[in-house]
Each structure stands twice: as structure tokens, then as C-alpha cells.
Amino acid sequence: MEDRKTPSVIDRYFTRWYRTDLKGKAREDHCILQHSNRICVITLAESHPILQNGRKIKNINYQISDGCSRLKNKVSGKSKRGGQFLTEFAPLCRITCTDEKEYTIFSCIRGRLLEVNEAILDRPELLLEKPSTEGYIAVILPKFEESKSITEGLLTREQYEEVHSKRTNQQEPSLVQLAL
């Protein structure tokens, strides 16, 4: 009998979408896991700088501005009323690494914020070890009428892997070329 690996829950029930180089910042890629019920889970893509080179996280802050904290988001009822409405470039949180480099994580899609992952505040290593499961950033519910169109402008897994592979294959300029 063949020994086939059973697909993970993520691979079985979610479609992966990607947004690369967010806001023009190289490799700051996000992954959107879209469930068949249209709920979207925002995570870091495998190529995001936070997940590279053994980085460690110093701080995760859901306080976006003086008057806006994603932690104060409250939803209620079957239709999830009261959740903060997000545009595709709405910041969800800011993550500071121990090397003092700060990254802003964006919603990537329009919709209502259902929840943020408070578990990563106490255990930031979840973000590094399990970015698409327990280390997710937030859960967003797109408007029903927009649920088909939210993926416009996002990359499929295959397209993302193509972009990632092109980046990896690009030669870094040598010191000689930089001196010229």
C-alpha cells in the first residue's frame, strides 16, 4: 500500500492566496487562508523577513494608533456585528524583532475584523514556529457580496512560488559590481 501523506487541515479546507511586496517593501509577503465559508485568516507568507535568518520577536503590538487598538475589537451575534471594518491596507499589528527592525502587518483584504490572535502576545514564538496555524495574525470576514472579488489582485500558491523562485534565483550583486 502507498504511504501518502494526508493533507493538513489548512490544505484540505483553505485556499492559500498571497500578496507580495506589500506597500512596496521587498519580500514583506502575506498569506491569506480563505475558507470555503468565506472567512479569511491572515498569516505571514513563508518568505516574510520575520520568518528568515533565525529572527526573534521582541514585541507584537495591536495598538495601531492612539485611538485604535485591534484588541478592543468586539463582535457579536450571528452576523458578527460591531467588528472593525478594514480596507485592504489597514494595519493589523506591528511586529518588532530583537534586531529592532519593525514590520507592519496589513489586512490584505476588505472585511470585518472578527478576531486577532492574542495568543501570540504571550507566545510570539508561535508566529515563527507555526505561522499558518496557531501563529496566525487575525481573522477577517469579507462582505458577502465581495467574497468572490476579494481574491482579485492576490496571487495563487503557484504564482507566489514562481515569484519566490525568481527572487531566489536572482544573483545578489557582487562586491565588485557594487564598487563600480
N, C-alpha and C. Protein backbone atom coordinates (compact mmCIF):
# COMPACT_ATOMS: atom_id res chain seq x y z
N MET A 1 0.83 -1.19 0.00
CA MET A 1 0.00 0.00 0.00
C MET A 1 0.87 1.25 0.00
N GLU A 2 0.44 2.26 -0.76
CA GLU A 2 1.20 3.50 -0.85
C GLU A 2 1.11 4.28 0.45
N ASP A 3 2.21 4.89 0.82
CA ASP A 3 2.24 5.71 2.01
C ASP A 3 2.10 7.17 1.59
N ARG A 4 0.85 7.62 1.49
CA ARG A 4 0.60 9.01 1.08
C ARG A 4 0.36 9.87 2.31
N LYS A 5 0.92 11.04 2.27
CA LYS A 5 0.75 11.98 3.38
C LYS A 5 -0.66 12.58 3.31
N THR A 6 -1.36 12.52 4.42
CA THR A 6 -2.69 13.10 4.49
C THR A 6 -2.56 14.62 4.48
N PRO A 7 -3.38 15.31 3.66
CA PRO A 7 -3.27 16.78 3.63
C PRO A 7 -3.64 17.37 5.00
N SER A 8 -2.98 18.46 5.35
CA SER A 8 -3.28 19.13 6.63
C SER A 8 -4.67 19.75 6.56
N VAL A 9 -5.17 20.12 7.72
CA VAL A 9 -6.48 20.79 7.78
C VAL A 9 -6.44 22.06 6.93
N ILE A 10 -5.33 22.80 7.00
CA ILE A 10 -5.18 24.03 6.21
C ILE A 10 -5.29 23.69 4.72
N ASP A 11 -4.54 22.69 4.27
CA ASP A 11 -4.55 22.34 2.84
C ASP A 11 -5.90 21.76 2.42
N ARG A 12 -6.61 21.12 3.33
CA ARG A 12 -7.88 20.50 2.99
C ARG A 12 -9.02 21.50 2.90
N TYR A 13 -9.06 22.47 3.81
CA TYR A 13 -10.23 23.34 3.90
C TYR A 13 -10.01 24.80 3.51
N PHE A 14 -8.76 25.18 3.28
CA PHE A 14 -8.46 26.57 2.97
C PHE A 14 -7.77 26.68 1.62
N THR A 15 -8.01 27.80 0.94
CA THR A 15 -7.27 28.14 -0.27
C THR A 15 -6.27 29.20 0.12
N ARG A 16 -5.01 28.99 -0.28
CA ARG A 16 -3.96 29.97 0.04
C ARG A 16 -3.89 31.03 -1.05
N TRP A 17 -3.91 32.29 -0.62
CA TRP A 17 -3.72 33.43 -1.51
C TRP A 17 -2.57 34.24 -0.96
N TYR A 18 -1.89 34.96 -1.82
CA TYR A 18 -0.71 35.72 -1.37
C TYR A 18 -0.73 37.14 -1.90
N ARG A 19 -0.16 38.03 -1.11
CA ARG A 19 0.10 39.40 -1.55
C ARG A 19 1.58 39.61 -1.29
N THR A 20 2.32 39.93 -2.35
CA THR A 20 3.78 40.07 -2.23
C THR A 20 4.20 41.53 -2.18
N ASP A 21 5.36 41.75 -1.60
CA ASP A 21 5.98 43.08 -1.52
C ASP A 21 4.98 44.15 -1.09
N LEU A 22 4.30 43.90 0.00
CA LEU A 22 3.24 44.80 0.45
C LEU A 22 3.74 46.23 0.64
N LYS A 23 2.99 47.16 0.13
CA LYS A 23 3.30 48.59 0.19
C LYS A 23 4.70 48.87 -0.35
N GLY A 24 5.13 48.07 -1.34
CA GLY A 24 6.42 48.29 -1.99
C GLY A 24 7.63 47.81 -1.20
N LYS A 25 7.39 47.12 -0.09
CA LYS A 25 8.51 46.64 0.73
C LYS A 25 8.89 45.23 0.30
N ALA A 26 10.10 45.08 -0.19
CA ALA A 26 10.57 43.81 -0.75
C ALA A 26 10.39 42.66 0.22
N ARG A 27 9.80 41.61 -0.27
CA ARG A 27 9.62 40.33 0.43
C ARG A 27 8.68 40.36 1.63
N GLU A 28 8.07 41.50 1.90
CA GLU A 28 7.12 41.54 3.01
C GLU A 28 5.80 40.98 2.50
N ASP A 29 5.79 39.65 2.39
CA ASP A 29 4.67 38.92 1.80
C ASP A 29 3.72 38.42 2.88
N HIS A 30 2.43 38.48 2.57
CA HIS A 30 1.39 38.00 3.47
C HIS A 30 0.66 36.85 2.80
N CYS A 31 0.12 35.97 3.62
CA CYS A 31 -0.68 34.84 3.11
C CYS A 31 -2.08 34.98 3.68
N ILE A 32 -3.07 34.78 2.82
CA ILE A 32 -4.47 34.83 3.22
C ILE A 32 -5.02 33.44 3.03
N LEU A 33 -5.48 32.83 4.10
CA LEU A 33 -6.09 31.50 4.02
C LEU A 33 -7.60 31.69 3.97
N GLN A 34 -8.19 31.36 2.82
CA GLN A 34 -9.62 31.59 2.63
C GLN A 34 -10.37 30.27 2.79
N HIS A 35 -11.27 30.22 3.76
CA HIS A 35 -12.08 29.03 4.00
C HIS A 35 -13.27 29.04 3.05
N SER A 36 -13.83 27.87 2.82
CA SER A 36 -14.99 27.77 1.92
C SER A 36 -16.18 28.56 2.46
N ASN A 37 -16.22 28.86 3.76
CA ASN A 37 -17.32 29.66 4.33
C ASN A 37 -17.04 31.16 4.23
N ARG A 38 -15.99 31.53 3.48
CA ARG A 38 -15.51 32.87 3.15
C ARG A 38 -14.70 33.57 4.24
N ILE A 39 -14.58 32.98 5.41
CA ILE A 39 -13.72 33.55 6.45
C ILE A 39 -12.27 33.48 5.99
N CYS A 40 -11.50 34.54 6.27
CA CYS A 40 -10.10 34.60 5.86
C CYS A 40 -9.19 34.75 7.08
N VAL A 41 -8.13 33.97 7.10
CA VAL A 41 -7.15 34.02 8.18
C VAL A 41 -5.89 34.67 7.60
N ILE A 42 -5.43 35.74 8.24
CA ILE A 42 -4.25 36.46 7.76
C ILE A 42 -3.02 35.92 8.48
N THR A 43 -2.02 35.53 7.69
CA THR A 43 -0.78 34.97 8.23
C THR A 43 0.41 35.58 7.49
N LEU A 44 1.59 35.26 7.96
CA LEU A 44 2.80 35.67 7.24
C LEU A 44 3.11 34.60 6.20
N ALA A 45 3.51 35.03 5.01
CA ALA A 45 3.95 34.08 3.99
C ALA A 45 5.32 33.54 4.41
N GLU A 46 5.64 32.36 3.91
CA GLU A 46 6.89 31.68 4.28
C GLU A 46 8.13 32.56 4.03
N SER A 47 8.06 33.45 3.04
CA SER A 47 9.22 34.26 2.65
C SER A 47 9.33 35.57 3.44
N HIS A 48 8.40 35.87 4.33
CA HIS A 48 8.42 37.14 5.07
C HIS A 48 9.71 37.24 5.88
N PRO A 49 10.35 38.43 5.89
CA PRO A 49 11.61 38.61 6.61
C PRO A 49 11.57 38.18 8.09
N ILE A 50 10.42 38.30 8.74
CA ILE A 50 10.30 37.90 10.15
C ILE A 50 10.62 36.42 10.30
N LEU A 51 10.29 35.63 9.29
CA LEU A 51 10.48 34.18 9.37
C LEU A 51 11.84 33.73 8.85
N GLN A 52 12.71 34.67 8.51
CA GLN A 52 14.01 34.34 7.93
C GLN A 52 15.14 34.53 8.93
N ASN A 53 16.23 33.84 8.65
CA ASN A 53 17.51 34.05 9.36
C ASN A 53 17.44 33.95 10.88
N GLY A 54 16.58 33.09 11.37
CA GLY A 54 16.52 32.85 12.81
C GLY A 54 16.13 34.07 13.64
N ARG A 55 15.38 34.98 13.05
CA ARG A 55 14.95 36.18 13.78
C ARG A 55 14.13 35.80 15.01
N LYS A 56 14.18 36.68 15.98
CA LYS A 56 13.38 36.53 17.20
C LYS A 56 12.48 37.76 17.32
N ILE A 57 11.32 37.56 17.90
CA ILE A 57 10.36 38.66 18.05
C ILE A 57 10.47 39.26 19.44
N LYS A 58 10.58 40.58 19.46
CA LYS A 58 10.68 41.32 20.72
C LYS A 58 9.29 41.74 21.19
N ASN A 59 8.45 42.18 20.23
CA ASN A 59 7.17 42.77 20.61
C ASN A 59 6.16 42.66 19.46
N ILE A 60 4.90 42.41 19.82
CA ILE A 60 3.79 42.45 18.86
C ILE A 60 2.79 43.44 19.43
N ASN A 61 2.41 44.42 18.61
CA ASN A 61 1.54 45.49 19.10
C ASN A 61 0.33 45.65 18.20
N TYR A 62 -0.86 45.39 18.75
CA TYR A 62 -2.11 45.57 18.01
C TYR A 62 -2.66 46.99 18.18
N GLN A 63 -1.93 47.87 18.88
CA GLN A 63 -2.33 49.28 19.05
C GLN A 63 -1.86 50.02 17.79
N ILE A 64 -2.78 50.30 16.88
CA ILE A 64 -2.43 50.86 15.57
C ILE A 64 -2.17 52.36 15.65
N SER A 65 -2.95 53.05 16.46
CA SER A 65 -2.78 54.50 16.66
C SER A 65 -3.31 54.81 18.05
N ASP A 66 -3.23 56.08 18.44
CA ASP A 66 -3.71 56.46 19.78
C ASP A 66 -5.17 56.03 20.00
N GLY A 67 -5.99 56.16 18.97
CA GLY A 67 -7.41 55.87 19.13
C GLY A 67 -7.85 54.52 18.62
N CYS A 68 -6.92 53.70 18.15
CA CYS A 68 -7.33 52.44 17.53
C CYS A 68 -6.47 51.26 17.99
N SER A 69 -7.11 50.37 18.72
CA SER A 69 -6.45 49.12 19.10
C SER A 69 -7.27 47.97 18.54
N ARG A 70 -6.61 47.09 17.83
CA ARG A 70 -7.31 45.91 17.29
C ARG A 70 -7.75 44.99 18.44
N LEU A 71 -7.13 45.12 19.61
CA LEU A 71 -7.52 44.28 20.76
C LEU A 71 -8.89 44.68 21.30
N LYS A 72 -9.32 45.91 21.02
CA LYS A 72 -10.61 46.39 21.52
C LYS A 72 -11.76 46.03 20.57
N ASN A 73 -11.46 45.27 19.52
CA ASN A 73 -12.47 44.85 18.56
C ASN A 73 -13.47 43.92 19.23
N LYS A 74 -14.75 44.23 19.13
CA LYS A 74 -15.79 43.38 19.73
C LYS A 74 -16.84 43.06 18.67
N VAL A 75 -17.07 41.77 18.45
CA VAL A 75 -18.12 41.36 17.53
C VAL A 75 -19.18 40.61 18.30
N SER A 76 -20.42 40.65 17.78
CA SER A 76 -21.48 39.92 18.46
C SER A 76 -22.51 39.43 17.44
N GLY A 77 -23.20 38.40 17.84
CA GLY A 77 -24.30 37.87 17.04
C GLY A 77 -23.87 37.06 15.84
N LYS A 78 -24.87 36.46 15.22
CA LYS A 78 -24.64 35.58 14.08
C LYS A 78 -24.01 36.34 12.91
N SER A 79 -24.42 37.59 12.73
CA SER A 79 -23.89 38.36 11.59
C SER A 79 -22.61 39.10 11.94
N LYS A 80 -22.05 38.82 13.13
CA LYS A 80 -20.76 39.39 13.56
C LYS A 80 -20.76 40.92 13.50
N ARG A 81 -21.80 41.51 14.07
CA ARG A 81 -21.90 42.97 14.11
C ARG A 81 -20.86 43.57 15.05
N GLY A 82 -20.45 44.79 14.73
CA GLY A 82 -19.58 45.53 15.63
C GLY A 82 -18.11 45.39 15.35
N GLY A 83 -17.70 44.47 14.51
CA GLY A 83 -16.28 44.30 14.20
C GLY A 83 -15.76 45.50 13.43
N GLN A 84 -14.51 45.86 13.65
CA GLN A 84 -13.90 46.98 12.93
C GLN A 84 -13.87 46.64 11.44
N PHE A 85 -14.27 47.62 10.60
CA PHE A 85 -14.21 47.39 9.16
C PHE A 85 -12.81 47.77 8.67
N LEU A 86 -12.22 46.88 7.89
CA LEU A 86 -10.85 47.07 7.42
C LEU A 86 -10.82 47.20 5.90
N THR A 87 -9.97 48.10 5.42
CA THR A 87 -9.69 48.15 3.99
C THR A 87 -8.48 47.23 3.76
N GLU A 88 -8.13 46.99 2.50
CA GLU A 88 -7.06 46.03 2.25
C GLU A 88 -5.69 46.47 2.77
N PHE A 89 -5.49 47.77 2.98
CA PHE A 89 -4.19 48.22 3.50
C PHE A 89 -4.29 48.70 4.94
N ALA A 90 -5.31 48.24 5.66
CA ALA A 90 -5.44 48.60 7.07
C ALA A 90 -4.41 47.82 7.88
N PRO A 91 -3.62 48.51 8.72
CA PRO A 91 -2.66 47.79 9.55
C PRO A 91 -3.37 46.95 10.61
N LEU A 92 -2.90 45.73 10.82
CA LEU A 92 -3.45 44.86 11.86
C LEU A 92 -2.60 44.94 13.12
N CYS A 93 -1.28 44.89 12.93
CA CYS A 93 -0.37 44.97 14.07
C CYS A 93 1.01 45.37 13.58
N ARG A 94 1.86 45.67 14.54
CA ARG A 94 3.27 45.96 14.25
C ARG A 94 4.10 44.96 15.03
N ILE A 95 5.05 44.37 14.34
CA ILE A 95 5.91 43.37 14.98
C ILE A 95 7.34 43.90 14.97
N THR A 96 7.94 43.95 16.15
CA THR A 96 9.32 44.39 16.27
C THR A 96 10.18 43.18 16.61
N CYS A 97 11.24 43.01 15.85
CA CYS A 97 12.17 41.90 16.09
C CYS A 97 13.26 42.36 17.05
N THR A 98 14.03 41.42 17.58
CA THR A 98 15.08 41.77 18.54
C THR A 98 16.18 42.61 17.89
N ASP A 99 16.29 42.59 16.54
CA ASP A 99 17.27 43.46 15.88
C ASP A 99 16.71 44.87 15.65
N GLU A 100 15.55 45.15 16.31
CA GLU A 100 14.86 46.46 16.27
C GLU A 100 14.20 46.77 14.93
N LYS A 101 14.21 45.85 13.99
CA LYS A 101 13.51 46.05 12.71
C LYS A 101 12.01 45.87 12.98
N GLU A 102 11.21 46.83 12.49
CA GLU A 102 9.77 46.78 12.73
C GLU A 102 9.03 46.50 11.42
N TYR A 103 8.02 45.66 11.49
CA TYR A 103 7.21 45.30 10.33
C TYR A 103 5.74 45.56 10.65
N THR A 104 5.04 46.16 9.69
CA THR A 104 3.59 46.36 9.84
C THR A 104 2.91 45.25 9.05
N ILE A 105 1.98 44.59 9.70
CA ILE A 105 1.21 43.52 9.04
C ILE A 105 -0.15 44.11 8.67
N PHE A 106 -0.53 43.93 7.41
CA PHE A 106 -1.77 44.53 6.89
C PHE A 106 -2.85 43.48 6.69
N SER A 107 -4.08 43.94 6.58
CA SER A 107 -5.21 43.03 6.43
C SER A 107 -5.25 42.35 5.05
N CYS A 108 -4.75 43.02 4.02
CA CYS A 108 -4.70 42.48 2.64
C CYS A 108 -6.05 42.36 1.95
N ILE A 109 -7.13 42.34 2.69
CA ILE A 109 -8.47 42.23 2.10
C ILE A 109 -9.41 43.17 2.85
N ARG A 110 -10.52 43.48 2.20
CA ARG A 110 -11.56 44.29 2.83
C ARG A 110 -12.50 43.37 3.59
N GLY A 111 -12.89 43.80 4.77
CA GLY A 111 -13.83 42.99 5.53
C GLY A 111 -13.90 43.41 6.98
N ARG A 112 -14.67 42.66 7.74
CA ARG A 112 -14.87 42.93 9.16
C ARG A 112 -13.90 42.09 9.99
N LEU A 113 -13.19 42.73 10.89
CA LEU A 113 -12.26 42.03 11.77
C LEU A 113 -13.06 41.20 12.77
N LEU A 114 -12.89 39.89 12.74
CA LEU A 114 -13.59 39.03 13.69
C LEU A 114 -12.78 38.84 14.96
N GLU A 115 -11.47 38.62 14.79
CA GLU A 115 -10.62 38.46 15.96
C GLU A 115 -9.16 38.64 15.60
N VAL A 116 -8.37 38.98 16.61
CA VAL A 116 -6.92 38.97 16.47
C VAL A 116 -6.41 37.84 17.35
N ASN A 117 -5.25 37.36 17.05
CA ASN A 117 -4.68 36.24 17.78
C ASN A 117 -3.93 36.75 19.01
N GLU A 118 -4.61 36.77 20.14
CA GLU A 118 -3.98 37.26 21.37
C GLU A 118 -2.94 36.28 21.91
N ALA A 119 -3.00 35.03 21.49
CA ALA A 119 -2.05 34.01 21.97
C ALA A 119 -0.61 34.37 21.58
N ILE A 120 -0.43 35.07 20.45
CA ILE A 120 0.94 35.41 20.03
C ILE A 120 1.53 36.54 20.86
N LEU A 121 0.69 37.25 21.62
CA LEU A 121 1.21 38.28 22.50
C LEU A 121 2.01 37.65 23.64
N ASP A 122 1.49 36.55 24.19
CA ASP A 122 2.17 35.84 25.27
C ASP A 122 3.23 34.88 24.75
N ARG A 123 2.99 34.33 23.56
CA ARG A 123 3.92 33.35 23.00
C ARG A 123 4.26 33.71 21.55
N PRO A 124 5.10 34.76 21.35
CA PRO A 124 5.42 35.20 19.98
C PRO A 124 6.11 34.13 19.14
N GLU A 125 6.70 33.14 19.79
CA GLU A 125 7.36 32.06 19.04
C GLU A 125 6.36 31.28 18.18
N LEU A 126 5.07 31.32 18.52
CA LEU A 126 4.05 30.65 17.69
C LEU A 126 4.05 31.22 16.29
N LEU A 127 4.26 32.52 16.19
CA LEU A 127 4.31 33.20 14.89
C LEU A 127 5.46 32.67 14.04
N LEU A 128 6.57 32.36 14.69
CA LEU A 128 7.75 31.86 13.99
C LEU A 128 7.64 30.36 13.69
N GLU A 129 7.12 29.60 14.65
CA GLU A 129 7.09 28.14 14.53
C GLU A 129 5.89 27.62 13.73
N LYS A 130 4.74 28.27 13.87
CA LYS A 130 3.51 27.79 13.23
C LYS A 130 2.73 28.95 12.63
N PRO A 131 3.34 29.65 11.64
CA PRO A 131 2.71 30.88 11.13
C PRO A 131 1.32 30.68 10.51
N SER A 132 1.04 29.53 9.92
CA SER A 132 -0.28 29.39 9.29
C SER A 132 -1.30 28.65 10.15
N THR A 133 -0.92 28.30 11.39
CA THR A 133 -1.92 27.69 12.28
C THR A 133 -2.02 28.53 13.56
N GLU A 134 -1.40 28.10 14.62
CA GLU A 134 -1.52 28.81 15.90
C GLU A 134 -0.88 30.19 15.90
N GLY A 135 0.00 30.46 14.94
CA GLY A 135 0.68 31.76 14.88
C GLY A 135 0.04 32.73 13.90
N TYR A 136 -1.24 32.56 13.60
CA TYR A 136 -1.91 33.47 12.67
C TYR A 136 -2.00 34.86 13.29
N ILE A 137 -2.28 35.87 12.46
CA ILE A 137 -2.36 37.26 12.93
C ILE A 137 -3.80 37.65 13.28
N ALA A 138 -4.73 37.40 12.33
CA ALA A 138 -6.11 37.84 12.54
C ALA A 138 -7.07 37.04 11.65
N VAL A 139 -8.36 37.16 11.97
CA VAL A 139 -9.41 36.52 11.18
C VAL A 139 -10.34 37.63 10.69
N ILE A 140 -10.62 37.62 9.39
CA ILE A 140 -11.43 38.67 8.76
C ILE A 140 -12.56 38.03 7.98
N LEU A 141 -13.73 38.64 8.05
CA LEU A 141 -14.88 38.18 7.28
C LEU A 141 -15.21 39.21 6.22
N PRO A 142 -14.97 38.88 4.93
CA PRO A 142 -15.32 39.82 3.86
C PRO A 142 -16.84 39.95 3.75
N LYS A 143 -17.30 41.08 3.20
CA LYS A 143 -18.73 41.23 2.94
C LYS A 143 -19.16 40.13 1.99
N PHE A 144 -20.36 39.62 2.16
CA PHE A 144 -20.83 38.52 1.33
C PHE A 144 -20.73 38.84 -0.15
N GLU A 145 -21.17 40.05 -0.52
CA GLU A 145 -21.16 40.42 -1.94
C GLU A 145 -19.75 40.62 -2.49
N GLU A 146 -18.76 40.78 -1.61
CA GLU A 146 -17.37 40.94 -2.06
C GLU A 146 -16.56 39.66 -1.93
N SER A 147 -17.14 38.62 -1.38
CA SER A 147 -16.35 37.43 -1.06
C SER A 147 -15.72 36.76 -2.29
N LYS A 148 -16.34 36.92 -3.46
CA LYS A 148 -15.74 36.34 -4.68
C LYS A 148 -14.64 37.25 -5.22
N SER A 149 -14.80 38.57 -5.07
CA SER A 149 -13.86 39.51 -5.68
C SER A 149 -12.66 39.85 -4.81
N ILE A 150 -12.67 39.42 -3.54
CA ILE A 150 -11.54 39.81 -2.67
C ILE A 150 -10.22 39.20 -3.11
N THR A 151 -10.28 38.14 -3.89
CA THR A 151 -9.04 37.49 -4.31
C THR A 151 -8.45 38.13 -5.57
N GLU A 152 -9.17 39.10 -6.16
CA GLU A 152 -8.61 39.82 -7.31
C GLU A 152 -7.38 40.58 -6.83
N GLY A 153 -6.30 40.46 -7.56
CA GLY A 153 -5.07 41.14 -7.15
C GLY A 153 -4.20 40.31 -6.22
N LEU A 154 -4.72 39.17 -5.77
CA LEU A 154 -3.91 38.27 -4.94
C LEU A 154 -3.32 37.18 -5.83
N LEU A 155 -2.24 36.60 -5.39
CA LEU A 155 -1.59 35.53 -6.16
C LEU A 155 -2.02 34.16 -5.66
N THR A 156 -2.12 33.21 -6.58
CA THR A 156 -2.38 31.83 -6.19
C THR A 156 -1.07 31.27 -5.62
N ARG A 157 -1.15 30.10 -5.04
CA ARG A 157 0.06 29.46 -4.50
C ARG A 157 1.13 29.28 -5.59
N GLU A 158 0.68 28.83 -6.77
CA GLU A 158 1.62 28.60 -7.88
C GLU A 158 2.29 29.91 -8.32
N GLN A 159 1.49 30.98 -8.44
CA GLN A 159 2.04 32.28 -8.84
C GLN A 159 3.03 32.79 -7.79
N TYR A 160 2.68 32.59 -6.52
CA TYR A 160 3.57 33.02 -5.43
C TYR A 160 4.88 32.24 -5.48
N GLU A 161 4.80 30.94 -5.67
CA GLU A 161 6.01 30.12 -5.72
C GLU A 161 6.89 30.53 -6.89
N GLU A 162 6.27 30.95 -8.01
CA GLU A 162 7.02 31.44 -9.16
C GLU A 162 7.77 32.73 -8.80
N VAL A 163 7.09 33.67 -8.15
CA VAL A 163 7.70 34.92 -7.73
C VAL A 163 8.84 34.63 -6.76
N HIS A 164 8.57 33.75 -5.80
CA HIS A 164 9.58 33.41 -4.78
C HIS A 164 10.80 32.75 -5.42
N SER A 165 10.57 31.88 -6.38
CA SER A 165 11.68 31.19 -7.04
C SER A 165 12.51 32.15 -7.89
N LYS A 166 11.85 33.12 -8.54
CA LYS A 166 12.58 34.12 -9.32
C LYS A 166 13.47 34.95 -8.41
N ARG A 167 12.94 35.32 -7.23
CA ARG A 167 13.72 36.10 -6.27
C ARG A 167 14.94 35.31 -5.81
N THR A 168 14.73 34.04 -5.51
CA THR A 168 15.81 33.19 -5.01
C THR A 168 16.89 33.01 -6.06
N ASN A 169 16.48 32.92 -7.33
CA ASN A 169 17.43 32.69 -8.41
C ASN A 169 18.18 33.95 -8.84
N GLN A 170 17.67 35.12 -8.46
CA GLN A 170 18.37 36.35 -8.81
C GLN A 170 19.66 36.42 -8.03
N GLN A 171 20.72 36.65 -8.74
CA GLN A 171 22.04 36.74 -8.09
C GLN A 171 22.15 38.04 -7.31
N GLU A 172 22.69 37.93 -6.12
CA GLU A 172 23.00 39.13 -5.36
C GLU A 172 24.18 39.80 -6.06
N PRO A 173 24.19 41.13 -6.15
CA PRO A 173 25.34 41.77 -6.81
C PRO A 173 26.61 41.51 -6.00
N SER A 174 27.67 41.26 -6.69
CA SER A 174 28.95 41.01 -6.01
C SER A 174 29.52 42.32 -5.51
N LEU A 175 30.48 42.23 -4.61
CA LEU A 175 31.11 43.44 -4.08
C LEU A 175 31.79 44.24 -5.18
N VAL A 176 32.32 43.54 -6.19
CA VAL A 176 32.97 44.21 -7.32
C VAL A 176 31.94 45.06 -8.06
N GLN A 177 30.74 44.47 -8.32
CA GLN A 177 29.70 45.21 -9.04
C GLN A 177 29.24 46.42 -8.21
N LEU A 178 29.16 46.25 -6.89
CA LEU A 178 28.73 47.37 -6.05
C LEU A 178 29.75 48.50 -6.05
N ALA A 179 31.03 48.15 -6.17
CA ALA A 179 32.08 49.17 -6.16
C ALA A 179 32.11 49.97 -7.46
N LEU A 180 31.57 49.43 -8.54
CA LEU A 180 31.60 50.12 -9.83
C LEU A 180 30.66 51.24 -9.93
